Amino acid sequence: MPKVVTIRRPDVVTLIDTVADKLTAGNRTEALALALRRLLEHDARPGSLFGAHPRSVRISDGVDVVDPILSDELDSQTGRELSH
């Protein structure tokens, strides 16, 4: 893994210096790290990755994945109590 990155484009160097002065008290490394973290956050998916990849979840025929699991009325809703 490289420990040094060389940037020679004058416009990019000026941009890094400007951002470093404004946001990180002149720390160029931290300015670049901040920018790269922001890019990664911007590109990240919201929510869970479960099922995000094709064929990663198998659903049997006739199963409705958005149908509520508890379709019966709960005892706590009816006022009935179970005897143990």
PDB file of N, CA and C in Angstrom:
ATOM      1  N   MET A   1       0.840  -1.169   0.000  1.00  0.00           N
ATOM      2  CA  MET A   1       0.000   0.000   0.000  1.00  0.00           C
ATOM      3  C   MET A   1       0.892   1.242   0.000  1.00  0.00           C
ATOM      4  N   PRO A   2       0.616   2.184  -0.896  1.00  0.00           N
ATOM      5  CA  PRO A   2       1.473   3.365  -0.966  1.00  0.00           C
ATOM      6  C   PRO A   2       1.342   4.242   0.274  1.00  0.00           C
ATOM      7  N   LYS A   3       2.441   4.861   0.630  1.00  0.00           N
ATOM      8  CA  LYS A   3       2.439   5.758   1.773  1.00  0.00           C
ATOM      9  C   LYS A   3       2.534   7.206   1.339  1.00  0.00           C
ATOM     10  N   VAL A   4       2.788   7.426   0.052  1.00  0.00           N
ATOM     11  CA  VAL A   4       2.913   8.784  -0.476  1.00  0.00           C
ATOM     12  C   VAL A   4       2.109   8.868  -1.763  1.00  0.00           C
ATOM     13  N   VAL A   5       1.346   9.938  -1.891  1.00  0.00           N
ATOM     14  CA  VAL A   5       0.602  10.201  -3.122  1.00  0.00           C
ATOM     15  C   VAL A   5       1.102  11.535  -3.652  1.00  0.00           C
ATOM     16  N   THR A   6       1.481  11.564  -4.921  1.00  0.00           N
ATOM     17  CA  THR A   6       1.983  12.792  -5.531  1.00  0.00           C
ATOM     18  C   THR A   6       0.923  13.340  -6.467  1.00  0.00           C
ATOM     19  N   ILE A   7       0.551  14.581  -6.222  1.00  0.00           N
ATOM     20  CA  ILE A   7      -0.420  15.271  -7.076  1.00  0.00           C
ATOM     21  C   ILE A   7       0.296  16.460  -7.684  1.00  0.00           C
ATOM     22  N   ARG A   8       0.332  16.488  -9.025  1.00  0.00           N
ATOM     23  CA  ARG A   8       1.108  17.521  -9.712  1.00  0.00           C
ATOM     24  C   ARG A   8       0.246  18.556 -10.420  1.00  0.00           C
ATOM     25  N   ARG A   9      -1.027  18.297 -10.571  1.00  0.00           N
ATOM     26  CA  ARG A   9      -1.878  19.266 -11.268  1.00  0.00           C
ATOM     27  C   ARG A   9      -2.030  20.517 -10.413  1.00  0.00           C
ATOM     28  N   PRO A  10      -1.632  21.671 -10.928  1.00  0.00           N
ATOM     29  CA  PRO A  10      -1.663  22.909 -10.133  1.00  0.00           C
ATOM     30  C   PRO A  10      -3.063  23.270  -9.621  1.00  0.00           C
ATOM     31  N   ASP A  11      -4.091  23.032 -10.439  1.00  0.00           N
ATOM     32  CA  ASP A  11      -5.442  23.373 -10.003  1.00  0.00           C
ATOM     33  C   ASP A  11      -5.899  22.491  -8.841  1.00  0.00           C
ATOM     34  N   VAL A  12      -5.505  21.226  -8.858  1.00  0.00           N
ATOM     35  CA  VAL A  12      -5.870  20.318  -7.775  1.00  0.00           C
ATOM     36  C   VAL A  12      -5.089  20.650  -6.507  1.00  0.00           C
ATOM     37  N   VAL A  13      -3.818  20.973  -6.659  1.00  0.00           N
ATOM     38  CA  VAL A  13      -3.003  21.353  -5.497  1.00  0.00           C
ATOM     39  C   VAL A  13      -3.573  22.611  -4.847  1.00  0.00           C
ATOM     40  N   THR A  14      -3.970  23.591  -5.657  1.00  0.00           N
ATOM     41  CA  THR A  14      -4.564  24.817  -5.130  1.00  0.00           C
ATOM     42  C   THR A  14      -5.874  24.519  -4.405  1.00  0.00           C
ATOM     43  N   LEU A  15      -6.677  23.651  -4.985  1.00  0.00           N
ATOM     44  CA  LEU A  15      -7.942  23.270  -4.355  1.00  0.00           C
ATOM     45  C   LEU A  15      -7.708  22.586  -3.010  1.00  0.00           C
ATOM     46  N   ILE A  16      -6.754  21.675  -2.965  1.00  0.00           N
ATOM     47  CA  ILE A  16      -6.428  20.979  -1.711  1.00  0.00           C
ATOM     48  C   ILE A  16      -5.953  21.978  -0.662  1.00  0.00           C
ATOM     49  N   ASP A  17      -5.097  22.901  -1.065  1.00  0.00           N
ATOM     50  CA  ASP A  17      -4.606  23.911  -0.124  1.00  0.00           C
ATOM     51  C   ASP A  17      -5.740  24.788   0.401  1.00  0.00           C
ATOM     52  N   THR A  18      -6.640  25.194  -0.480  1.00  0.00           N
ATOM     53  CA  THR A  18      -7.766  26.037  -0.073  1.00  0.00           C
ATOM     54  C   THR A  18      -8.663  25.311   0.932  1.00  0.00           C
ATOM     55  N   VAL A  19      -8.994  24.065   0.625  1.00  0.00           N
ATOM     56  CA  VAL A  19      -9.847  23.276   1.528  1.00  0.00           C
ATOM     57  C   VAL A  19      -9.124  23.013   2.839  1.00  0.00           C
ATOM     58  N   ALA A  20      -7.856  22.699   2.761  1.00  0.00           N
ATOM     59  CA  ALA A  20      -7.083  22.427   3.979  1.00  0.00           C
ATOM     60  C   ALA A  20      -7.043  23.645   4.877  1.00  0.00           C
ATOM     61  N   ASP A  21      -6.855  24.826   4.289  1.00  0.00           N
ATOM     62  CA  ASP A  21      -6.812  26.057   5.091  1.00  0.00           C
ATOM     63  C   ASP A  21      -8.163  26.348   5.746  1.00  0.00           C
ATOM     64  N   LYS A  22      -9.251  26.120   5.008  1.00  0.00           N
ATOM     65  CA  LYS A  22     -10.583  26.453   5.525  1.00  0.00           C
ATOM     66  C   LYS A  22     -11.107  25.437   6.533  1.00  0.00           C
ATOM     67  N   LEU A  23     -10.849  24.164   6.292  1.00  0.00           N
ATOM     68  CA  LEU A  23     -11.524  23.130   7.090  1.00  0.00           C
ATOM     69  C   LEU A  23     -10.630  22.387   8.078  1.00  0.00           C
ATOM     70  N   THR A  24      -9.347  22.315   7.817  1.00  0.00           N
ATOM     71  CA  THR A  24      -8.498  21.466   8.658  1.00  0.00           C
ATOM     72  C   THR A  24      -7.257  22.176   9.170  1.00  0.00           C
ATOM     73  N   ALA A  25      -7.299  23.480   9.265  1.00  0.00           N
ATOM     74  CA  ALA A  25      -6.164  24.265   9.768  1.00  0.00           C
ATOM     75  C   ALA A  25      -4.870  23.968   9.008  1.00  0.00           C
ATOM     76  N   GLY A  26      -5.002  23.760   7.694  1.00  0.00           N
ATOM     77  CA  GLY A  26      -3.829  23.549   6.858  1.00  0.00           C
ATOM     78  C   GLY A  26      -3.368  22.113   6.703  1.00  0.00           C
ATOM     79  N   ASN A  27      -4.077  21.167   7.302  1.00  0.00           N
ATOM     80  CA  ASN A  27      -3.679  19.759   7.221  1.00  0.00           C
ATOM     81  C   ASN A  27      -4.181  19.165   5.900  1.00  0.00           C
ATOM     82  N   ARG A  28      -3.284  19.028   4.934  1.00  0.00           N
ATOM     83  CA  ARG A  28      -3.658  18.526   3.606  1.00  0.00           C
ATOM     84  C   ARG A  28      -4.135  17.082   3.646  1.00  0.00           C
ATOM     85  N   THR A  29      -3.474  16.261   4.428  1.00  0.00           N
ATOM     86  CA  THR A  29      -3.859  14.848   4.509  1.00  0.00           C
ATOM     87  C   THR A  29      -5.276  14.705   5.040  1.00  0.00           C
ATOM     88  N   GLU A  30      -5.585  15.451   6.079  1.00  0.00           N
ATOM     89  CA  GLU A  30      -6.930  15.383   6.651  1.00  0.00           C
ATOM     90  C   GLU A  30      -7.972  15.939   5.691  1.00  0.00           C
ATOM     91  N   ALA A  31      -7.611  16.966   4.921  1.00  0.00           N
ATOM     92  CA  ALA A  31      -8.529  17.524   3.930  1.00  0.00           C
ATOM     93  C   ALA A  31      -8.873  16.480   2.868  1.00  0.00           C
ATOM     94  N   LEU A  32      -7.870  15.765   2.387  1.00  0.00           N
ATOM     95  CA  LEU A  32      -8.126  14.712   1.405  1.00  0.00           C
ATOM     96  C   LEU A  32      -8.935  13.572   2.012  1.00  0.00           C
ATOM     97  N   ALA A  33      -8.604  13.184   3.237  1.00  0.00           N
ATOM     98  CA  ALA A  33      -9.354  12.113   3.903  1.00  0.00           C
ATOM     99  C   ALA A  33     -10.811  12.514   4.077  1.00  0.00           C
ATOM    100  N   LEU A  34     -11.063  13.754   4.459  1.00  0.00           N
ATOM    101  CA  LEU A  34     -12.419  14.264   4.613  1.00  0.00           C
ATOM    102  C   LEU A  34     -13.183  14.197   3.293  1.00  0.00           C
ATOM    103  N   ALA A  35     -12.533  14.619   2.225  1.00  0.00           N
ATOM    104  CA  ALA A  35     -13.166  14.593   0.904  1.00  0.00           C
ATOM    105  C   ALA A  35     -13.480  13.167   0.461  1.00  0.00           C
ATOM    106  N   LEU A  36     -12.548  12.263   0.680  1.00  0.00           N
ATOM    107  CA  LEU A  36     -12.768  10.878   0.262  1.00  0.00           C
ATOM    108  C   LEU A  36     -13.863  10.214   1.096  1.00  0.00           C
ATOM    109  N   ARG A  37     -13.897  10.507   2.406  1.00  0.00           N
ATOM    110  CA  ARG A  37     -14.982   9.968   3.244  1.00  0.00           C
ATOM    111  C   ARG A  37     -16.332  10.474   2.758  1.00  0.00           C
ATOM    112  N   ARG A  38     -16.388  11.740   2.407  1.00  0.00           N
ATOM    113  CA  ARG A  38     -17.637  12.340   1.921  1.00  0.00           C
ATOM    114  C   ARG A  38     -18.087  11.685   0.616  1.00  0.00           C
ATOM    115  N   LEU A  39     -17.141  11.410  -0.264  1.00  0.00           N
ATOM    116  CA  LEU A  39     -17.481  10.722  -1.516  1.00  0.00           C
ATOM    117  C   LEU A  39     -18.025   9.332  -1.252  1.00  0.00           C
ATOM    118  N   LEU A  40     -17.413   8.618  -0.321  1.00  0.00           N
ATOM    119  CA  LEU A  40     -17.901   7.279   0.010  1.00  0.00           C
ATOM    120  C   LEU A  40     -19.294   7.324   0.628  1.00  0.00           C
ATOM    121  N   GLU A  41     -19.553   8.285   1.503  1.00  0.00           N
ATOM    122  CA  GLU A  41     -20.880   8.419   2.096  1.00  0.00           C
ATOM    123  C   GLU A  41     -21.922   8.752   1.038  1.00  0.00           C
ATOM    124  N   HIS A  42     -21.559   9.598   0.103  1.00  0.00           N
ATOM    125  CA  HIS A  42     -22.486   9.998  -0.952  1.00  0.00           C
ATOM    126  C   HIS A  42     -22.863   8.817  -1.840  1.00  0.00           C
ATOM    127  N   ASP A  43     -21.935   7.909  -2.040  1.00  0.00           N
ATOM    128  CA  ASP A  43     -22.145   6.766  -2.924  1.00  0.00           C
ATOM    129  C   ASP A  43     -22.754   5.571  -2.184  1.00  0.00           C
ATOM    130  N   ALA A  44     -22.798   5.625  -0.860  1.00  0.00           N
ATOM    131  CA  ALA A  44     -23.281   4.490  -0.076  1.00  0.00           C
ATOM    132  C   ALA A  44     -24.781   4.295  -0.264  1.00  0.00           C
ATOM    133  N   ARG A  45     -25.220   3.056  -0.129  1.00  0.00           N
ATOM    134  CA  ARG A  45     -26.638   2.745  -0.214  1.00  0.00           C
ATOM    135  C   ARG A  45     -27.318   3.029   1.113  1.00  0.00           C
ATOM    136  N   PRO A  46     -28.506   3.568   1.056  1.00  0.00           N
ATOM    137  CA  PRO A  46     -29.246   3.725   2.305  1.00  0.00           C
ATOM    138  C   PRO A  46     -29.852   2.390   2.731  1.00  0.00           C
ATOM    139  N   GLY A  47     -29.887   2.143   4.010  1.00  0.00           N
ATOM    140  CA  GLY A  47     -30.540   0.951   4.522  1.00  0.00           C
ATOM    141  C   GLY A  47     -29.690  -0.301   4.453  1.00  0.00           C
ATOM    142  N   SER A  48     -30.354  -1.424   4.579  1.00  0.00           N
ATOM    143  CA  SER A  48     -29.691  -2.715   4.650  1.00  0.00           C
ATOM    144  C   SER A  48     -29.282  -3.210   3.273  1.00  0.00           C
ATOM    145  N   LEU A  49     -28.217  -3.971   3.230  1.00  0.00           N
ATOM    146  CA  LEU A  49     -27.795  -4.600   1.985  1.00  0.00           C
ATOM    147  C   LEU A  49     -28.438  -5.966   1.791  1.00  0.00           C
ATOM    148  N   PHE A  50     -29.258  -6.427   2.752  1.00  0.00           N
ATOM    149  CA  PHE A  50     -29.892  -7.738   2.646  1.00  0.00           C
ATOM    150  C   PHE A  50     -30.742  -7.793   1.380  1.00  0.00           C
ATOM    151  N   GLY A  51     -30.465  -8.745   0.540  1.00  0.00           N
ATOM    152  CA  GLY A  51     -31.230  -8.922  -0.676  1.00  0.00           C
ATOM    153  C   GLY A  51     -30.865  -7.957  -1.794  1.00  0.00           C
ATOM    154  N   ALA A  52     -29.816  -7.204  -1.633  1.00  0.00           N
ATOM    155  CA  ALA A  52     -29.458  -6.212  -2.643  1.00  0.00           C
ATOM    156  C   ALA A  52     -28.810  -6.837  -3.874  1.00  0.00           C
ATOM    157  N   HIS A  53     -28.278  -8.021  -3.745  1.00  0.00           N
ATOM    158  CA  HIS A  53     -27.590  -8.658  -4.856  1.00  0.00           C
ATOM    159  C   HIS A  53     -28.517  -9.677  -5.517  1.00  0.00           C
ATOM    160  N   PRO A  54     -28.533  -9.726  -6.839  1.00  0.00           N
ATOM    161  CA  PRO A  54     -29.410 -10.665  -7.536  1.00  0.00           C
ATOM    162  C   PRO A  54     -29.195 -12.101  -7.061  1.00  0.00           C
ATOM    163  N   ARG A  55     -30.278 -12.797  -6.858  1.00  0.00           N
ATOM    164  CA  ARG A  55     -30.313 -14.204  -6.428  1.00  0.00           C
ATOM    165  C   ARG A  55     -29.719 -14.427  -5.042  1.00  0.00           C
ATOM    166  N   SER A  56     -29.612 -13.381  -4.220  1.00  0.00           N
ATOM    167  CA  SER A  56     -29.072 -13.560  -2.877  1.00  0.00           C
ATOM    168  C   SER A  56     -30.148 -14.034  -1.898  1.00  0.00           C
ATOM    169  N   VAL A  57     -31.412 -13.860  -2.261  1.00  0.00           N
ATOM    170  CA  VAL A  57     -32.525 -14.306  -1.422  1.00  0.00           C
ATOM    171  C   VAL A  57     -33.461 -15.120  -2.296  1.00  0.00           C
ATOM    172  N   ARG A  58     -33.863 -16.281  -1.803  1.00  0.00           N
ATOM    173  CA  ARG A  58     -34.789 -17.132  -2.551  1.00  0.00           C
ATOM    174  C   ARG A  58     -36.136 -17.112  -1.857  1.00  0.00           C
ATOM    175  N   ILE A  59     -37.191 -16.843  -2.619  1.00  0.00           N
ATOM    176  CA  ILE A  59     -38.543 -16.776  -2.089  1.00  0.00           C
ATOM    177  C   ILE A  59     -39.374 -17.815  -2.811  1.00  0.00           C
ATOM    178  N   SER A  60     -40.065 -18.659  -2.044  1.00  0.00           N
ATOM    179  CA  SER A  60     -40.894 -19.714  -2.622  1.00  0.00           C
ATOM    180  C   SER A  60     -42.079 -19.113  -3.360  1.00  0.00           C
ATOM    181  N   ASP A  61     -42.579 -19.873  -4.350  1.00  0.00           N
ATOM    182  CA  ASP A  61     -43.767 -19.435  -5.079  1.00  0.00           C
ATOM    183  C   ASP A  61     -44.940 -19.290  -4.121  1.00  0.00           C
ATOM    184  N   GLY A  62     -45.744 -18.265  -4.334  1.00  0.00           N
ATOM    185  CA  GLY A  62     -46.928 -18.044  -3.510  1.00  0.00           C
ATOM    186  C   GLY A  62     -46.675 -17.275  -2.225  1.00  0.00           C
ATOM    187  N   VAL A  63     -45.432 -16.910  -1.961  1.00  0.00           N
ATOM    188  CA  VAL A  63     -45.114 -16.167  -0.744  1.00  0.00           C
ATOM    189  C   VAL A  63     -45.118 -14.680  -1.070  1.00  0.00           C
ATOM    190  N   ASP A  64     -45.905 -13.928  -0.287  1.00  0.00           N
ATOM    191  CA  ASP A  64     -45.953 -12.476  -0.455  1.00  0.00           C
ATOM    192  C   ASP A  64     -45.069 -11.857   0.626  1.00  0.00           C
ATOM    193  N   VAL A  65     -43.954 -11.258   0.216  1.00  0.00           N
ATOM    194  CA  VAL A  65     -42.989 -10.760   1.188  1.00  0.00           C
ATOM    195  C   VAL A  65     -43.460  -9.500   1.907  1.00  0.00           C
ATOM    196  N   VAL A  66     -44.481  -8.837   1.402  1.00  0.00           N
ATOM    197  CA  VAL A  66     -44.989  -7.640   2.070  1.00  0.00           C
ATOM    198  C   VAL A  66     -46.260  -7.913   2.870  1.00  0.00           C
ATOM    199  N   ASP A  67     -46.747  -9.150   2.842  1.00  0.00           N
ATOM    200  CA  ASP A  67     -47.941  -9.522   3.607  1.00  0.00           C
ATOM    201  C   ASP A  67     -47.566  -9.620   5.088  1.00  0.00           C
ATOM    202  N   PRO A  68     -48.380  -9.050   5.989  1.00  0.00           N
ATOM    203  CA  PRO A  68     -48.062  -9.134   7.417  1.00  0.00           C
ATOM    204  C   PRO A  68     -47.987 -10.585   7.895  1.00  0.00           C
ATOM    205  N   ILE A  69     -47.047 -10.860   8.768  1.00  0.00           N
ATOM    206  CA  ILE A  69     -46.890 -12.209   9.292  1.00  0.00           C
ATOM    207  C   ILE A  69     -48.012 -12.546  10.263  1.00  0.00           C
ATOM    208  N   LEU A  70     -48.346 -11.602  11.117  1.00  0.00           N
ATOM    209  CA  LEU A  70     -49.396 -11.815  12.115  1.00  0.00           C
ATOM    210  C   LEU A  70     -50.701 -11.227  11.590  1.00  0.00           C
ATOM    211  N   SER A  71     -51.444 -12.039  10.834  1.00  0.00           N
ATOM    212  CA  SER A  71     -52.703 -11.541  10.296  1.00  0.00           C
ATOM    213  C   SER A  71     -53.856 -11.758  11.278  1.00  0.00           C
ATOM    214  N   ASP A  72     -53.682 -12.667  12.258  1.00  0.00           N
ATOM    215  CA  ASP A  72     -54.716 -12.895  13.266  1.00  0.00           C
ATOM    216  C   ASP A  72     -54.667 -11.788  14.303  1.00  0.00           C
ATOM    217  N   GLU A  73     -55.811 -11.558  14.919  1.00  0.00           N
ATOM    218  CA  GLU A  73     -55.871 -10.559  15.980  1.00  0.00           C
ATOM    219  C   GLU A  73     -55.162 -11.099  17.213  1.00  0.00           C
ATOM    220  N   LEU A  74     -54.333 -10.284  17.812  1.00  0.00           N
ATOM    221  CA  LEU A  74     -53.583 -10.718  18.987  1.00  0.00           C
ATOM    222  C   LEU A  74     -54.483 -10.779  20.213  1.00  0.00           C
ATOM    223  N   ASP A  75     -54.176 -11.713  21.133  1.00  0.00           N
ATOM    224  CA  ASP A  75     -54.960 -11.822  22.362  1.00  0.00           C
ATOM    225  C   ASP A  75     -54.946 -10.517  23.145  1.00  0.00           C
ATOM    226  N   SER A  76     -53.845  -9.812  23.108  1.00  0.00           N
ATOM    227  CA  SER A  76     -53.759  -8.546  23.847  1.00  0.00           C
ATOM    228  C   SER A  76     -54.690  -7.494  23.252  1.00  0.00           C
ATOM    229  N   GLN A  77     -55.025  -7.640  21.994  1.00  0.00           N
ATOM    230  CA  GLN A  77     -55.931  -6.694  21.363  1.00  0.00           C
ATOM    231  C   GLN A  77     -57.391  -7.045  21.634  1.00  0.00           C
ATOM    232  N   THR A  78     -57.670  -8.330  21.809  1.00  0.00           N
ATOM    233  CA  THR A  78     -59.052  -8.761  22.029  1.00  0.00           C
ATOM    234  C   THR A  78     -59.456  -8.712  23.493  1.00  0.00           C
ATOM    235  N   GLY A  79     -58.506  -8.653  24.390  1.00  0.00           N
ATOM    236  CA  GLY A  79     -58.802  -8.676  25.814  1.00  0.00           C
ATOM    237  C   GLY A  79     -58.817 -10.078  26.398  1.00  0.00           C
ATOM    238  N   ARG A  80     -58.685 -11.104  25.547  1.00  0.00           N
ATOM    239  CA  ARG A  80     -58.643 -12.487  26.031  1.00  0.00           C
ATOM    240  C   ARG A  80     -57.279 -12.763  26.636  1.00  0.00           C
ATOM    241  N   GLU A  81     -57.259 -13.558  27.652  1.00  0.00           N
ATOM    242  CA  GLU A  81     -55.993 -13.956  28.266  1.00  0.00           C
ATOM    243  C   GLU A  81     -55.824 -15.448  28.168  1.00  0.00           C
ATOM    244  N   LEU A  82     -54.600 -15.873  28.039  1.00  0.00           N
ATOM    245  CA  LEU A  82     -54.293 -17.301  27.966  1.00  0.00           C
ATOM    246  C   LEU A  82     -54.205 -17.865  29.375  1.00  0.00           C
ATOM    247  N   SER A  83     -54.740 -19.070  29.566  1.00  0.00           N
ATOM    248  CA  SER A  83     -54.564 -19.719  30.866  1.00  0.00           C
ATOM    249  C   SER A  83     -53.389 -20.648  30.767  1.00  0.00           C
ATOM    250  N   HIS A  84     -52.508 -20.555  31.746  1.00  0.00           N
ATOM    251  CA  HIS A  84     -51.304 -21.380  31.732  1.00  0.00           C
ATOM    252  C   HIS A  84     -51.416 -22.458  32.770  1.00  0.00           C
TER     253      HIS A  84
END
